[in-house]
Protein backbone atom coordinates (compact mmCIF):
# COMPACT_ATOMS: atom_id res chain seq x y z
CA MET A 1 114.57 115.08 68.26
CA PRO A 2 112.33 115.76 71.29
CA PRO A 3 111.03 112.72 73.18
CA ARG A 4 107.52 111.51 72.37
CA VAL A 5 106.76 110.67 76.00
CA SER A 6 107.50 112.65 79.15
CA VAL A 7 107.01 111.04 82.56
CA ILE A 8 107.17 113.19 85.68
CA VAL A 9 108.39 111.32 88.76
CA THR A 10 107.37 113.24 91.86
CA CYS A 11 109.29 112.49 95.03
CA TYR A 12 108.85 113.50 98.65
CA ASN A 13 110.72 111.50 101.28
CA TYR A 14 110.90 108.41 99.05
CA GLY A 15 114.66 108.00 98.78
CA ARG A 16 114.27 104.27 99.43
CA PHE A 17 111.92 103.86 96.46
CA VAL A 18 112.74 106.50 93.85
CA ALA A 19 115.56 104.63 92.08
CA GLU A 20 113.25 101.69 91.37
CA ALA A 21 110.72 104.07 89.83
CA VAL A 22 113.23 105.89 87.63
CA ASP A 23 115.11 102.75 86.58
CA SER A 24 111.85 101.08 85.57
CA LEU A 25 111.26 103.96 83.15
CA LEU A 26 114.80 104.04 81.79
CA GLY A 27 114.54 100.32 81.12
CA GLN A 28 111.48 100.68 78.90
CA THR A 29 111.56 99.28 75.37
CA PHE A 30 110.13 102.63 74.23
CA GLN A 31 113.24 104.80 74.07
CA GLU A 32 111.78 108.14 72.95
CA LEU A 33 111.10 108.94 76.59
CA GLU A 34 112.34 111.57 79.02
CA VAL A 35 112.10 111.34 82.79
CA ILE A 36 111.59 114.55 84.76
CA VAL A 37 112.18 113.97 88.47
CA VAL A 38 110.82 116.61 90.82
CA ASP A 39 112.04 116.24 94.39
CA ASP A 40 109.89 118.45 96.59
CA CYS A 41 112.48 119.31 99.23
CA SER A 42 112.60 115.81 100.73
CA PRO A 43 114.07 115.66 104.26
CA ASP A 44 115.50 112.18 103.66
CA ASN A 45 118.27 111.07 101.27
CA SER A 46 116.21 111.48 98.09
CA ARG A 47 118.33 114.31 96.73
CA GLN A 48 121.55 112.39 97.35
CA VAL A 49 120.18 109.31 95.56
CA LEU A 50 119.04 111.36 92.58
CA LEU A 51 122.29 113.30 92.19
CA GLU A 52 124.49 110.23 92.54
CA ARG A 53 122.53 108.11 90.08
CA TYR A 54 121.05 110.50 87.52
CA ALA A 55 122.81 113.89 87.54
CA ASP A 56 124.53 113.13 84.23
CA HIS A 57 121.95 110.84 82.66
CA PRO A 58 120.99 112.11 79.18
CA ARG A 59 117.31 111.17 79.54
CA VAL A 60 116.77 112.36 83.11
CA ARG A 61 116.11 115.96 84.13
CA LEU A 62 116.30 116.75 87.84
CA VAL A 63 114.33 119.47 89.63
CA LEU A 64 115.35 119.85 93.26
CA HIS A 65 113.15 122.15 95.31
CA ASP A 66 114.63 124.11 98.18
CA VAL A 67 111.12 124.77 99.54
CA ASN A 68 108.30 122.25 99.66
CA GLN A 69 105.61 123.21 97.15
CA GLY A 70 103.22 120.27 97.33
CA HIS A 71 102.65 117.46 94.87
CA ILE A 72 100.08 119.20 92.65
CA ARG A 73 102.39 122.12 91.96
CA SER A 74 105.18 119.61 91.33
CA TYR A 75 103.01 117.80 88.78
CA ASN A 76 102.25 121.05 86.98
CA GLU A 77 105.87 122.17 87.07
CA GLY A 78 106.90 118.90 85.45
CA LEU A 79 104.18 119.18 82.81
CA GLY A 80 105.37 122.70 82.04
CA MET A 81 108.87 121.34 81.35
CA ALA A 82 107.68 118.29 79.40
CA ARG A 83 108.51 118.08 75.70
CA GLY A 84 106.62 114.92 74.90
CA GLU A 85 103.54 114.38 72.79
CA PHE A 86 102.20 112.23 75.64
CA MET A 87 102.68 113.07 79.31
CA GLY A 88 102.09 111.33 82.61
CA VAL A 89 103.08 111.05 86.26
CA LEU A 90 104.71 108.17 88.13
CA ALA A 91 104.87 108.51 91.90
CA ALA A 92 108.34 107.84 93.28
CA ASP A 93 107.08 104.86 95.30
CA ASP A 94 105.51 103.18 92.24
CA PHE A 95 107.17 101.56 89.22
CA CYS A 96 106.64 99.91 85.83
CA LEU A 97 105.86 96.22 86.05
CA ARG A 98 106.67 95.50 82.40
CA SER A 99 109.46 96.80 80.20
CA ASP A 100 106.96 97.43 77.38
CA ALA A 101 104.46 99.36 79.54
CA VAL A 102 104.98 102.72 77.85
CA GLU A 103 105.16 101.13 74.41
CA ARG A 104 101.77 99.50 74.97
CA LEU A 105 100.14 102.80 75.92
CA VAL A 106 101.66 104.75 73.05
CA ALA A 107 100.42 102.13 70.58
CA VAL A 108 96.84 102.90 71.64
CA PHE A 109 97.36 106.63 71.05
CA ASP A 110 98.95 106.04 67.64
CA ALA A 111 96.09 103.83 66.50
CA ASN A 112 93.38 106.18 67.81
CA PRO A 113 93.97 109.91 67.23
CA ARG A 114 90.85 110.93 69.20
CA VAL A 115 92.02 109.29 72.43
CA GLY A 116 92.83 111.80 75.18
CA PHE A 117 94.27 109.46 77.80
CA VAL A 118 95.25 105.80 78.09
CA TYR A 119 95.42 103.82 81.34
CA SER A 120 95.93 100.20 82.33
CA ALA A 121 95.23 97.62 84.97
CA TYR A 122 97.84 97.52 87.74
CA ALA A 123 99.07 95.55 90.71
CA MET A 124 99.21 96.62 94.33
CA VAL A 125 102.57 95.77 95.89
CA ASP A 126 104.02 95.97 99.39
CA VAL A 127 107.13 97.77 100.58
CA GLU A 128 109.27 94.92 99.25
CA SER A 129 107.70 95.28 95.75
CA ARG A 130 105.79 92.02 96.16
CA PRO A 131 102.36 92.02 94.45
CA PHE A 132 99.44 91.18 96.73
CA ARG A 133 96.39 92.30 94.75
CA SER A 134 95.49 92.89 91.11
CA PHE A 135 93.29 95.78 90.03
CA GLN A 136 91.57 95.23 86.69
CA PRO A 137 88.59 97.56 86.17
CA PHE A 138 87.61 95.86 82.90
CA GLU A 139 88.36 92.40 81.54
CA HIS A 140 89.35 93.41 77.99
CA ASP A 141 91.24 96.21 76.24
CA TYR A 142 89.09 98.95 74.76
CA VAL A 143 88.90 102.36 73.16
CA ARG A 144 85.58 104.04 73.78
CA ASN A 145 83.77 107.33 73.47
CA GLY A 146 84.58 109.74 76.26
CA PHE A 147 80.95 110.11 77.35
CA ASP A 148 80.72 106.34 77.76
CA GLU A 149 83.83 106.54 79.96
CA PHE A 150 82.33 109.45 81.90
CA ARG A 151 79.24 107.33 82.68
CA SER A 152 81.46 104.87 84.56
CA LEU A 153 84.06 107.29 85.86
CA MET A 154 81.55 109.63 87.52
CA TYR A 155 80.77 106.87 90.04
CA ALA A 156 84.33 105.94 91.06
CA ASN A 157 87.91 106.71 90.14
CA TYR A 158 89.24 103.40 88.85
CA VAL A 159 91.95 105.05 86.70
CA PRO A 160 95.39 104.79 88.33
CA HIS A 161 97.35 108.01 88.57
CA SER A 162 100.77 106.45 88.16
CA GLY A 163 101.45 105.40 84.59
CA THR A 164 98.40 106.89 82.88
CA LEU A 165 99.42 108.98 79.86
CA VAL A 166 97.57 112.06 78.56
CA ARG A 167 97.88 113.47 75.07
CA ARG A 168 99.43 116.94 75.08
CA SER A 169 96.62 118.33 72.92
CA ALA A 170 94.11 117.16 75.55
CA HIS A 171 95.98 119.10 78.22
CA ASP A 172 95.87 122.09 75.89
CA VAL A 173 92.06 121.90 75.95
CA VAL A 174 91.29 121.04 79.59
CA GLY A 175 94.39 122.35 81.40
CA TRP A 176 96.62 120.72 84.02
CA TYR A 177 95.98 119.68 87.62
CA ASP A 178 93.74 121.81 89.83
CA THR A 179 95.77 123.00 92.82
CA ALA A 180 92.54 123.20 94.86
CA LEU A 181 92.24 119.39 94.67
CA PRO A 182 95.42 117.87 96.15
CA HIS A 183 93.63 114.61 97.05
CA ALA A 184 91.35 114.17 94.01
CA GLY A 185 93.30 116.04 91.35
CA ASP A 186 93.82 112.98 89.16
CA TRP A 187 90.10 112.03 89.15
CA ASP A 188 89.25 115.61 88.28
CA LEU A 189 91.64 115.50 85.32
CA TRP A 190 90.29 112.18 84.01
CA LEU A 191 86.72 113.49 84.13
CA ARG A 192 87.65 116.68 82.28
CA VAL A 193 89.47 114.78 79.54
CA ALA A 194 86.76 112.12 79.21
CA SER A 195 84.09 114.77 78.66
CA ARG A 196 85.90 115.89 75.48
CA PHE A 197 88.04 112.99 74.20
CA ASP A 198 87.91 109.23 73.72
CA VAL A 199 89.65 107.00 76.29
CA GLY A 200 91.86 103.92 75.87
CA TYR A 201 92.47 101.06 78.28
CA VAL A 202 94.93 98.14 78.44
CA ALA A 203 93.60 95.26 80.54
CA GLU A 204 97.06 93.91 81.44
CA GLN A 205 98.83 95.05 84.61
CA LEU A 206 101.55 97.42 83.43
CA PHE A 207 102.37 99.37 86.60
CA ALA A 208 102.73 98.74 90.32
CA TYR A 209 101.09 100.86 93.01
CA ARG A 210 102.89 100.52 96.32
CA VAL A 211 100.79 100.40 99.50
CA HIS A 212 102.53 101.34 102.74
CA GLY A 213 101.94 103.33 105.88
CA THR A 214 103.15 106.63 104.46
CA ASN A 215 101.01 106.73 101.30
CA MET A 216 99.81 110.26 100.70
CA SER A 217 96.14 109.30 101.05
CA ILE A 218 96.81 108.08 104.60
CA ALA A 219 99.50 110.40 105.84
CA ARG A 220 98.17 113.76 104.66
CA TYR A 221 94.38 113.67 104.33
CA SER A 222 91.67 112.79 106.80
CA PRO A 223 88.55 110.97 105.56
CA SER A 224 86.58 114.18 106.04
CA HIS A 225 89.01 116.14 103.88
CA ALA A 226 88.94 113.40 101.23
CA ASN A 227 85.13 113.42 101.17
CA GLY A 228 85.09 117.18 100.72
CA GLU A 229 87.44 116.97 97.76
CA VAL A 230 85.65 114.16 95.95
CA LEU A 231 82.36 116.03 96.38
CA LEU A 232 83.93 119.16 94.91
CA THR A 233 85.39 117.09 92.09
CA ILE A 234 82.00 115.73 91.02
CA GLU A 235 80.31 119.13 91.30
CA LYS A 236 83.07 120.67 89.19
CA ALA A 237 82.91 117.91 86.58
CA PHE A 238 79.17 118.28 86.04
CA ASP A 239 79.36 122.07 85.99
CA ALA A 240 81.98 121.90 83.19
CA LEU A 241 80.18 119.41 80.91
CA PRO A 242 79.96 120.63 77.31
CA PRO A 243 76.57 121.46 75.72
CA GLU A 244 76.52 118.26 73.68
CA THR A 245 76.58 116.05 76.81
CA PRO A 246 73.88 113.33 76.65
CA HIS A 247 70.88 114.00 78.89
CA ASP A 248 71.23 110.77 80.88
CA ILE A 249 74.63 111.91 82.13
CA VAL A 250 73.35 115.33 83.18
CA ALA A 251 70.42 113.66 84.99
CA SER A 252 72.78 111.40 86.96
CA ARG A 253 74.35 114.18 89.00
CA LYS A 254 72.75 113.35 92.35
CA THR A 255 73.48 109.63 92.04
CA ALA A 256 77.08 110.44 91.15
CA ILE A 257 77.35 112.60 94.27
CA HIS A 258 76.12 109.74 96.44
CA HIS A 259 78.69 107.38 94.96
CA ALA A 260 81.44 109.98 95.34
CA LEU A 261 80.69 110.46 99.02
CA LEU A 262 81.14 106.73 99.58
CA LYS A 263 84.38 106.59 97.60
CA THR A 264 86.63 107.31 100.60
CA THR A 265 85.08 104.71 102.90
CA TRP A 266 85.16 102.14 100.06
CA GLY A 267 88.88 102.71 99.46
CA ASP A 268 89.76 102.43 103.14
CA ARG A 269 87.53 99.38 103.58
CA SER A 270 89.15 97.60 100.65
CA LEU A 271 92.57 97.91 102.32
CA GLY A 272 91.37 97.02 105.82
CA ARG A 273 91.63 100.52 107.29
CA ILE A 274 88.60 100.03 109.52
CA LYS A 275 88.81 103.17 111.65
CA ARG A 276 89.26 105.45 108.63
CA ALA A 277 86.46 103.66 106.80
CA TRP A 278 84.00 104.32 109.63
CA GLU A 279 85.09 107.96 109.82
CA GLY A 280 84.54 108.37 106.10
CA LEU A 281 81.10 106.73 106.15
CA LEU A 282 79.82 108.84 109.05
CA ASP A 283 81.19 112.03 107.50
CA ALA A 284 79.46 111.20 104.20
CA ALA A 285 76.11 110.86 105.97
CA LYS A 286 76.60 114.19 107.72
CA ARG A 287 77.48 115.96 104.46
CA ASP A 288 74.44 114.63 102.61
CA PRO A 289 71.66 113.21 104.82
CA SER A 290 69.80 112.08 101.68
CA LEU A 291 72.33 109.23 101.58
CA LEU A 292 70.41 107.67 104.46
CA GLY A 293 67.52 107.04 102.07
CA THR A 294 69.61 105.03 99.60
CA LYS A 295 70.50 101.36 99.27
CA LEU A 296 74.07 102.46 98.55
CA PHE A 297 74.56 103.71 102.09
CA TYR A 298 73.17 100.63 103.82
CA SER A 299 75.11 98.30 101.55
CA ALA A 300 78.30 100.14 102.53
CA LEU A 301 77.24 100.08 106.20
CA VAL A 302 76.62 96.32 106.23
CA LYS A 303 79.91 95.54 104.49
CA LEU A 304 81.88 97.75 106.86
CA ALA A 305 80.18 96.19 109.87
CA LEU A 306 81.07 92.73 108.54
CA LEU A 307 84.68 93.80 108.03
CA SER A 308 84.81 95.12 111.60
CA VAL A 309 83.54 91.80 112.98
CA VAL A 310 85.47 89.22 110.93
CA GLY A 311 88.67 91.14 110.15
CA HIS A 312 90.25 92.07 106.85
CA LYS A 313 91.70 88.71 105.73
CA ARG A 314 88.51 86.76 106.28
CA TYR A 315 86.44 89.59 104.77
CA GLU A 316 88.59 89.44 101.63
CA ARG A 317 88.06 85.69 101.35
CA LEU A 318 84.31 86.06 101.71
CA SER A 319 84.21 88.88 99.18
CA ASN A 320 86.21 86.92 96.62
CA GLN A 321 83.79 84.02 96.94
CA ARG A 322 80.77 86.22 96.30
CA ARG A 323 81.80 88.50 93.46
CA ASN A 324 83.78 88.88 90.29
CA PRO A 325 86.94 90.86 91.26
CA ALA A 326 86.93 92.80 87.97
CA GLN A 327 83.38 94.02 88.56
CA ALA A 328 84.00 94.72 92.21
CA THR A 329 86.52 97.46 91.42
CA MET A 330 83.90 99.43 89.49
CA SER A 331 81.81 100.68 92.38
CA PRO A 332 82.46 102.10 95.86
CA THR A 333 79.72 99.84 97.29
C-alpha cells in the first residue's frame, strides 16, 4: 500500500542537523509515511550521513544531487516523487517536536474533506535544539473557509513552511512551488490554496524551526531581494483570485501590498537583526512612497528605532508587557 503522507526533507550543508529531522519523522506515531530526502549537492558531510543512516531504510528515499539545483526545484522534485495523499516539506535543520505531529494534521484532513492544507503553531529553537520562543498565530484550533484565511494571510505569512501538509488534490488544482519565488514560495503556495480550499490549524506546537546564522533567509537573500519577492507574491495572489472572490478581499489589494512590504523588516526586527531591519524598511519606502502616508510605516519606524536604542532583549521584554503574543504574530507592524 502506498503511504498516505509524503514529507520531503530538503538538505543543503546541514549534515549536523539532518539526522534529527529525519529521525523525528521516522519516530512518528503515524506510520503510513514516507520520507524523501533531497540533498542538493551539499559540500559538507550531509551525503555521508544520509547514506550511512538511511540508504537501506524501507521508508526513506534518498535523492543525491551532483549539481546544486536550488531549494525550490528540490521541493518540486520531491513532490513529483511523492506517493502520499498529503504532502509537505521539512527543512533539514527543523524537526518534529511531538511524535504525534503528523497524526494530528492528518486527523484534520480526514474530518474535513474540503481542507486544502493544515498547519500548526511551532517553536523556535537554537542550534542546540533548545526552544526560546513560541509562535502561535491563533489561540484555538480551527477549520475555516479559505477566503477567511486569505483575509488574514494576505497581510503576513504566519504559516510555517516546515511541517505544513497540503492535500494532493489541492496541488493538482494550484500547482507546486513557483521557481521564480525562492524566498516567498511557501507564502505564494498558501495563498493559492487558500483562495480555493478551506484551511485547518492546530494551535499546539508540533514542529521546531531552528534559528541560526546560516538560515536561508539570512545567508542567501538581501532585504531588498526579499521585499521584491513578497511584493511579487501579493501581486500574483490577487491577480489569480477566482471570480467568486468576495469584494472586500479584492478591494484590499493596496493595503495588502503595504503590509507585504513591511514583512521583511518585521521578521528581522523580531529576531533582533537591526541592520537588516533598517535596510528592509528603507527599501520598502523606496519601492512604494505611498507607504510614507500610512500609520503602518511610522509604527514600524518607531518600533525599529526603539529596538536600536534599547537592544533586542529589553525590546522583547517591553513588547511582551504591552501585547498579547498570539496577536502580535498576526501583523508585520
